[in-house]
PDB file of N, CA and C in Angstrom:
ATOM      1  N   MET A   1       2.226   8.073  -8.862  1.00  0.00           N
ATOM      2  CA  MET A   1       2.825   9.690  -9.175  1.00  0.00           C
ATOM      3  C   MET A   1       2.083  10.672  -9.527  1.00  0.00           C
ATOM      4  N   SER A   2       1.995  11.686  -8.790  1.00  0.00           N
ATOM      5  CA  SER A   2       1.052  12.967  -8.794  1.00  0.00           C
ATOM      6  C   SER A   2       1.377  13.312 -10.265  1.00  0.00           C
ATOM      7  N   ARG A   3       0.391  14.213 -10.690  1.00  0.00           N
ATOM      8  CA  ARG A   3       0.251  15.196 -11.990  1.00  0.00           C
ATOM      9  C   ARG A   3       1.218  15.651 -11.957  1.00  0.00           C
ATOM     10  N   GLN A   4       1.324  16.398 -11.063  1.00  0.00           N
ATOM     11  CA  GLN A   4       2.398  17.789 -10.722  1.00  0.00           C
ATOM     12  C   GLN A   4       3.870  17.451 -11.185  1.00  0.00           C
ATOM     13  N   LYS A   5       4.225  16.394 -10.395  1.00  0.00           N
ATOM     14  CA  LYS A   5       5.687  15.477 -10.766  1.00  0.00           C
ATOM     15  C   LYS A   5       5.876  15.105 -11.962  1.00  0.00           C
ATOM     16  N   LEU A   6       4.644  14.441 -12.656  1.00  0.00           N
ATOM     17  CA  LEU A   6       4.709  13.884 -14.031  1.00  0.00           C
ATOM     18  C   LEU A   6       5.015  14.839 -14.817  1.00  0.00           C
ATOM     19  N   VAL A   7       4.280  16.327 -14.869  1.00  0.00           N
ATOM     20  CA  VAL A   7       4.575  17.228 -15.649  1.00  0.00           C
ATOM     21  C   VAL A   7       5.620  17.767 -15.699  1.00  0.00           C
ATOM     22  N   GLY A   8       6.382  17.815 -14.625  1.00  0.00           N
ATOM     23  CA  GLY A   8       7.648  18.285 -13.843  1.00  0.00           C
ATOM     24  C   GLY A   8       8.733  17.546 -14.843  1.00  0.00           C
ATOM     25  N   TRP A   9       8.653  16.446 -14.462  1.00  0.00           N
ATOM     26  CA  TRP A   9       9.700  15.427 -15.473  1.00  0.00           C
ATOM     27  C   TRP A   9       9.421  15.599 -16.810  1.00  0.00           C
ATOM     28  N   ILE A  10       8.484  15.540 -17.460  1.00  0.00           N
ATOM     29  CA  ILE A  10       8.174  16.065 -18.971  1.00  0.00           C
ATOM     30  C   ILE A  10       8.504  17.187 -19.557  1.00  0.00           C
ATOM     31  N   LEU A  11       8.678  18.213 -18.290  1.00  0.00           N
ATOM     32  CA  LEU A  11       8.986  19.437 -18.602  1.00  0.00           C
ATOM     33  C   LEU A  11      10.482  19.246 -18.879  1.00  0.00           C
ATOM     34  N   ILE A  12      11.218  18.623 -17.444  1.00  0.00           N
ATOM     35  CA  ILE A  12      12.609  18.619 -17.658  1.00  0.00           C
ATOM     36  C   ILE A  12      13.171  17.860 -18.819  1.00  0.00           C
ATOM     37  N   ALA A  13      12.341  16.662 -19.370  1.00  0.00           N
ATOM     38  CA  ALA A  13      12.948  15.852 -20.263  1.00  0.00           C
ATOM     39  C   ALA A  13      12.912  16.242 -21.930  1.00  0.00           C
ATOM     40  N   VAL A  14      11.989  16.970 -21.663  1.00  0.00           N
ATOM     41  CA  VAL A  14      12.147  17.815 -23.216  1.00  0.00           C
ATOM     42  C   VAL A  14      12.866  19.015 -22.964  1.00  0.00           C
ATOM     43  N   SER A  15      13.049  19.479 -22.433  1.00  0.00           N
ATOM     44  CA  SER A  15      14.140  20.918 -22.030  1.00  0.00           C
ATOM     45  C   SER A  15      15.452  20.329 -22.471  1.00  0.00           C
ATOM     46  N   VAL A  16      15.601  19.199 -21.486  1.00  0.00           N
ATOM     47  CA  VAL A  16      17.122  18.536 -21.449  1.00  0.00           C
ATOM     48  C   VAL A  16      17.211  17.730 -23.451  1.00  0.00           C
ATOM     49  N   ALA A  17      16.322  17.584 -23.720  1.00  0.00           N
ATOM     50  CA  ALA A  17      16.348  16.915 -25.221  1.00  0.00           C
ATOM     51  C   ALA A  17      16.761  18.294 -26.266  1.00  0.00           C
ATOM     52  N   TYR A  18      16.285  19.134 -26.092  1.00  0.00           N
ATOM     53  CA  TYR A  18      16.520  20.592 -26.747  1.00  0.00           C
ATOM     54  C   TYR A  18      17.616  20.841 -26.425  1.00  0.00           C
ATOM     55  N   VAL A  19      18.214  21.289 -25.105  1.00  0.00           N
ATOM     56  CA  VAL A  19      19.647  21.634 -25.265  1.00  0.00           C
ATOM     57  C   VAL A  19      20.811  20.782 -25.425  1.00  0.00           C
ATOM     58  N   ALA A  20      20.676  19.264 -25.196  1.00  0.00           N
ATOM     59  CA  ALA A  20      21.032  18.330 -25.963  1.00  0.00           C
ATOM     60  C   ALA A  20      21.343  18.506 -27.598  1.00  0.00           C
ATOM     61  N   TRP A  21      20.499  18.534 -28.270  1.00  0.00           N
ATOM     62  CA  TRP A  21      20.092  19.034 -29.455  1.00  0.00           C
ATOM     63  C   TRP A  21      20.786  19.873 -29.991  1.00  0.00           C
ATOM     64  N   PHE A  22      20.561  21.344 -29.274  1.00  0.00           N
ATOM     65  CA  PHE A  22      21.162  22.497 -29.769  1.00  0.00           C
ATOM     66  C   PHE A  22      22.885  22.520 -29.578  1.00  0.00           C
ATOM     67  N   LEU A  23      23.158  22.048 -28.756  1.00  0.00           N
ATOM     68  CA  LEU A  23      24.832  21.684 -28.305  1.00  0.00           C
ATOM     69  C   LEU A  23      25.490  20.664 -29.427  1.00  0.00           C
ATOM     70  N   ARG A  24      24.905  19.974 -29.549  1.00  0.00           N
ATOM     71  CA  ARG A  24      25.351  18.672 -30.800  1.00  0.00           C
ATOM     72  C   ARG A  24      25.216  18.950 -32.058  1.00  0.00           C
ATOM     73  N   VAL A  25      24.402  19.840 -32.467  1.00  0.00           N
ATOM     74  CA  VAL A  25      23.729  20.040 -33.691  1.00  0.00           C
ATOM     75  C   VAL A  25      24.422  21.243 -34.530  1.00  0.00           C
ATOM     76  N   ARG A  26      23.909  22.383 -33.298  1.00  0.00           N
ATOM     77  CA  ARG A  26      23.925  23.762 -33.575  1.00  0.00           C
ATOM     78  C   ARG A  26      25.457  24.152 -33.417  1.00  0.00           C
ATOM     79  N   LEU A  27      26.071  23.987 -32.285  1.00  0.00           N
ATOM     80  CA  LEU A  27      27.072  24.319 -31.462  1.00  0.00           C
ATOM     81  C   LEU A  27      28.397  23.712 -32.078  1.00  0.00           C
ATOM     82  N   LEU A  28      28.241  22.449 -31.625  1.00  0.00           N
ATOM     83  CA  LEU A  28      29.578  21.834 -32.098  1.00  0.00           C
ATOM     84  C   LEU A  28      29.891  21.470 -33.847  1.00  0.00           C
ATOM     85  N   GLU A  29      28.539  21.618 -34.356  1.00  0.00           N
ATOM     86  CA  GLU A  29      28.566  21.308 -36.044  1.00  0.00           C
ATOM     87  C   GLU A  29      29.190  22.627 -36.560  1.00  0.00           C
ATOM     88  N   PRO A  30      29.790  22.390 -37.874  1.00  0.00           N
ATOM     89  CA  PRO A  30      30.493  23.667 -38.737  1.00  0.00           C
ATOM     90  C   PRO A  30      29.025  23.644 -39.331  1.00  0.00           C
ATOM     91  N   GLY A  31      28.607  24.874 -39.846  1.00  0.00           N
ATOM     92  CA  GLY A  31      27.000  25.347 -40.578  1.00  0.00           C
ATOM     93  C   GLY A  31      27.202  26.765 -40.351  1.00  0.00           C
ATOM     94  N   PRO A  32      26.037  27.287 -40.657  1.00  0.00           N
ATOM     95  CA  PRO A  32      25.391  28.773 -40.773  1.00  0.00           C
ATOM     96  C   PRO A  32      25.432  29.292 -39.094  1.00  0.00           C
ATOM     97  N   ALA A  33      25.609  30.373 -38.961  1.00  0.00           N
ATOM     98  CA  ALA A  33      25.853  30.903 -38.033  1.00  0.00           C
ATOM     99  C   ALA A  33      24.302  30.749 -37.184  1.00  0.00           C
ATOM    100  N   VAL A  34      24.571  30.719 -35.523  1.00  0.00           N
ATOM    101  CA  VAL A  34      23.329  31.070 -34.750  1.00  0.00           C
ATOM    102  C   VAL A  34      22.787  32.248 -34.373  1.00  0.00           C
ATOM    103  N   GLU A  35      21.047  31.862 -35.045  1.00  0.00           N
ATOM    104  CA  GLU A  35      20.401  33.237 -34.962  1.00  0.00           C
ATOM    105  C   GLU A  35      19.952  33.106 -33.790  1.00  0.00           C
ATOM    106  N   LYS A  36      19.487  34.943 -33.594  1.00  0.00           N
ATOM    107  CA  LYS A  36      19.074  35.368 -32.177  1.00  0.00           C
ATOM    108  C   LYS A  36      17.545  34.318 -31.612  1.00  0.00           C
ATOM    109  N   LYS A  37      17.267  33.988 -32.736  1.00  0.00           N
ATOM    110  CA  LYS A  37      15.713  33.263 -32.359  1.00  0.00           C
ATOM    111  C   LYS A  37      16.172  32.090 -31.792  1.00  0.00           C
ATOM    112  N   GLU A  38      17.344  31.412 -32.518  1.00  0.00           N
ATOM    113  CA  GLU A  38      17.566  30.248 -31.920  1.00  0.00           C
ATOM    114  C   GLU A  38      18.184  29.900 -29.932  1.00  0.00           C
ATOM    115  N   TRP A  39      19.128  31.215 -30.028  1.00  0.00           N
ATOM    116  CA  TRP A  39      19.671  31.857 -28.280  1.00  0.00           C
ATOM    117  C   TRP A  39      18.427  31.807 -27.701  1.00  0.00           C
ATOM    118  N   LEU A  40      17.597  32.797 -28.074  1.00  0.00           N
ATOM    119  CA  LEU A  40      15.870  32.588 -27.134  1.00  0.00           C
ATOM    120  C   LEU A  40      15.526  31.359 -27.096  1.00  0.00           C
ATOM    121  N   ASN A  41      15.480  30.306 -27.887  1.00  0.00           N
ATOM    122  CA  ASN A  41      14.740  29.488 -27.755  1.00  0.00           C
ATOM    123  C   ASN A  41      15.690  28.611 -26.741  1.00  0.00           C
ATOM    124  N   LEU A  42      17.104  28.828 -26.374  1.00  0.00           N
ATOM    125  CA  LEU A  42      17.773  27.895 -25.803  1.00  0.00           C
ATOM    126  C   LEU A  42      17.678  28.513 -24.198  1.00  0.00           C
ATOM    127  N   ILE A  43      17.278  30.056 -23.941  1.00  0.00           N
ATOM    128  CA  ILE A  43      17.187  30.352 -22.857  1.00  0.00           C
ATOM    129  C   ILE A  43      15.951  29.890 -22.251  1.00  0.00           C
ATOM    130  N   GLY A  44      14.929  30.052 -23.365  1.00  0.00           N
ATOM    131  CA  GLY A  44      13.398  29.608 -22.933  1.00  0.00           C
ATOM    132  C   GLY A  44      13.499  27.997 -22.989  1.00  0.00           C
ATOM    133  N   SER A  45      14.132  27.522 -23.026  1.00  0.00           N
ATOM    134  CA  SER A  45      14.437  25.516 -22.803  1.00  0.00           C
ATOM    135  C   SER A  45      14.884  25.624 -21.352  1.00  0.00           C
ATOM    136  N   ILE A  46      15.968  26.814 -20.818  1.00  0.00           N
ATOM    137  CA  ILE A  46      16.691  26.834 -19.719  1.00  0.00           C
ATOM    138  C   ILE A  46      15.340  26.908 -18.574  1.00  0.00           C
ATOM    139  N   VAL A  47      14.861  27.890 -19.067  1.00  0.00           N
ATOM    140  CA  VAL A  47      14.166  28.375 -17.912  1.00  0.00           C
ATOM    141  C   VAL A  47      12.801  27.136 -17.891  1.00  0.00           C
ATOM    142  N   ILE A  48      12.590  26.338 -18.543  1.00  0.00           N
ATOM    143  CA  ILE A  48      11.116  25.411 -18.936  1.00  0.00           C
ATOM    144  C   ILE A  48      11.956  24.485 -17.944  1.00  0.00           C
ATOM    145  N   PHE A  49      13.347  24.320 -17.996  1.00  0.00           N
ATOM    146  CA  PHE A  49      14.199  23.316 -16.935  1.00  0.00           C
ATOM    147  C   PHE A  49      14.464  23.640 -15.601  1.00  0.00           C
ATOM    148  N   MET A  50      14.409  24.649 -15.574  1.00  0.00           N
ATOM    149  CA  MET A  50      14.035  24.976 -14.156  1.00  0.00           C
ATOM    150  C   MET A  50      12.464  25.430 -13.508  1.00  0.00           C
ATOM    151  N   LEU A  51      11.960  25.568 -14.248  1.00  0.00           N
ATOM    152  CA  LEU A  51      10.303  25.021 -13.570  1.00  0.00           C
ATOM    153  C   LEU A  51      10.010  24.014 -13.354  1.00  0.00           C
ATOM    154  N   GLY A  52      10.682  22.854 -14.305  1.00  0.00           N
ATOM    155  CA  GLY A  52      10.156  21.377 -14.146  1.00  0.00           C
ATOM    156  C   GLY A  52      10.732  20.935 -12.823  1.00  0.00           C
ATOM    157  N   THR A  53      12.094  21.407 -12.681  1.00  0.00           N
ATOM    158  CA  THR A  53      12.652  21.060 -11.179  1.00  0.00           C
ATOM    159  C   THR A  53      11.777  21.853 -10.389  1.00  0.00           C
ATOM    160  N   ILE A  54      11.250  22.860 -10.371  1.00  0.00           N
ATOM    161  CA  ILE A  54      10.564  23.067  -9.397  1.00  0.00           C
ATOM    162  C   ILE A  54       9.629  22.435  -9.110  1.00  0.00           C
ATOM    163  N   ASN A  55       8.839  22.068 -10.312  1.00  0.00           N
ATOM    164  CA  ASN A  55       7.753  21.058  -9.953  1.00  0.00           C
ATOM    165  C   ASN A  55       7.756  20.182  -9.543  1.00  0.00           C
ATOM    166  N   VAL A  56       8.649  19.485  -9.677  1.00  0.00           N
ATOM    167  CA  VAL A  56       8.983  17.962  -9.060  1.00  0.00           C
ATOM    168  C   VAL A  56       9.776  18.318  -7.688  1.00  0.00           C
ATOM    169  N   ARG A  57      10.031  19.421  -7.153  1.00  0.00           N
ATOM    170  CA  ARG A  57      10.436  19.687  -5.846  1.00  0.00           C
ATOM    171  C   ARG A  57       9.207  19.870  -4.850  1.00  0.00           C
ATOM    172  N   LEU A  58       8.173  21.063  -5.509  1.00  0.00           N
ATOM    173  CA  LEU A  58       6.856  20.798  -4.760  1.00  0.00           C
ATOM    174  C   LEU A  58       5.934  20.117  -4.685  1.00  0.00           C
ATOM    175  N   ALA A  59       6.082  19.139  -5.668  1.00  0.00           N
ATOM    176  CA  ALA A  59       4.956  17.642  -5.525  1.00  0.00           C
ATOM    177  C   ALA A  59       5.917  16.987  -4.555  1.00  0.00           C
ATOM    178  N   ALA A  60       7.168  16.733  -4.284  1.00  0.00           N
ATOM    179  CA  ALA A  60       7.939  16.215  -3.652  1.00  0.00           C
ATOM    180  C   ALA A  60       7.445  16.758  -1.758  1.00  0.00           C
ATOM    181  N   ARG A  61       7.112  18.284  -1.491  1.00  0.00           N
ATOM    182  CA  ARG A  61       7.091  18.411  -0.486  1.00  0.00           C
ATOM    183  C   ARG A  61       5.879  18.401  -0.155  1.00  0.00           C
ATOM    184  N   ARG A  62       5.039  18.277  -1.296  1.00  0.00           N
ATOM    185  CA  ARG A  62       3.499  18.124  -1.143  1.00  0.00           C
ATOM    186  C   ARG A  62       3.193  16.876  -0.270  1.00  0.00           C
ATOM    187  N   ARG A  63       4.254  15.705  -0.987  1.00  0.00           N
ATOM    188  CA  ARG A  63       4.293  14.402  -0.766  1.00  0.00           C
ATOM    189  C   ARG A  63       4.387  14.389   0.773  1.00  0.00           C
ATOM    190  N   ARG A  64       5.535  14.831   1.126  1.00  0.00           N
ATOM    191  CA  ARG A  64       6.434  14.667   2.414  1.00  0.00           C
ATOM    192  C   ARG A  64       5.063  15.582   3.586  1.00  0.00           C
ATOM    193  N   SER A  65       4.458  16.663   3.103  1.00  0.00           N
ATOM    194  CA  SER A  65       3.744  17.202   4.334  1.00  0.00           C
ATOM    195  C   SER A  65       2.507  16.763   4.217  1.00  0.00           C
ATOM    196  N   GLY A  66       1.983  15.631   3.300  1.00  0.00           N
ATOM    197  CA  GLY A  66       0.630  15.089   3.495  1.00  0.00           C
ATOM    198  C   GLY A  66      -0.348  15.158   3.385  1.00  0.00           C
ATOM    199  N   LYS A  67      -0.278  16.112   2.467  1.00  0.00           N
ATOM    200  CA  LYS A  67      -1.320  16.978   1.500  1.00  0.00           C
ATOM    201  C   LYS A  67      -1.719  16.421   0.315  1.00  0.00           C
ATOM    202  N   ASP A  68      -1.046  15.356  -0.085  1.00  0.00           N
ATOM    203  CA  ASP A  68      -1.895  15.099  -1.283  1.00  0.00           C
ATOM    204  C   ASP A  68      -2.779  13.978  -1.123  1.00  0.00           C
TER     205      ASP A  68
END
């Protein structure tokens, strides 16, 4: 597994874990209101998920073209 693909999967795993935690703990449970900073963290996590997906897809494309 190439380093690019490994980093992509790590980014995906961390961002999915944060989004799952946010949905489970902050949105579905009663408690204090969700702050602006937490919404920004959620948006950042979604962006990191997209970057991880792009990384994995580019690594696959590089492997198919034989530049690995």
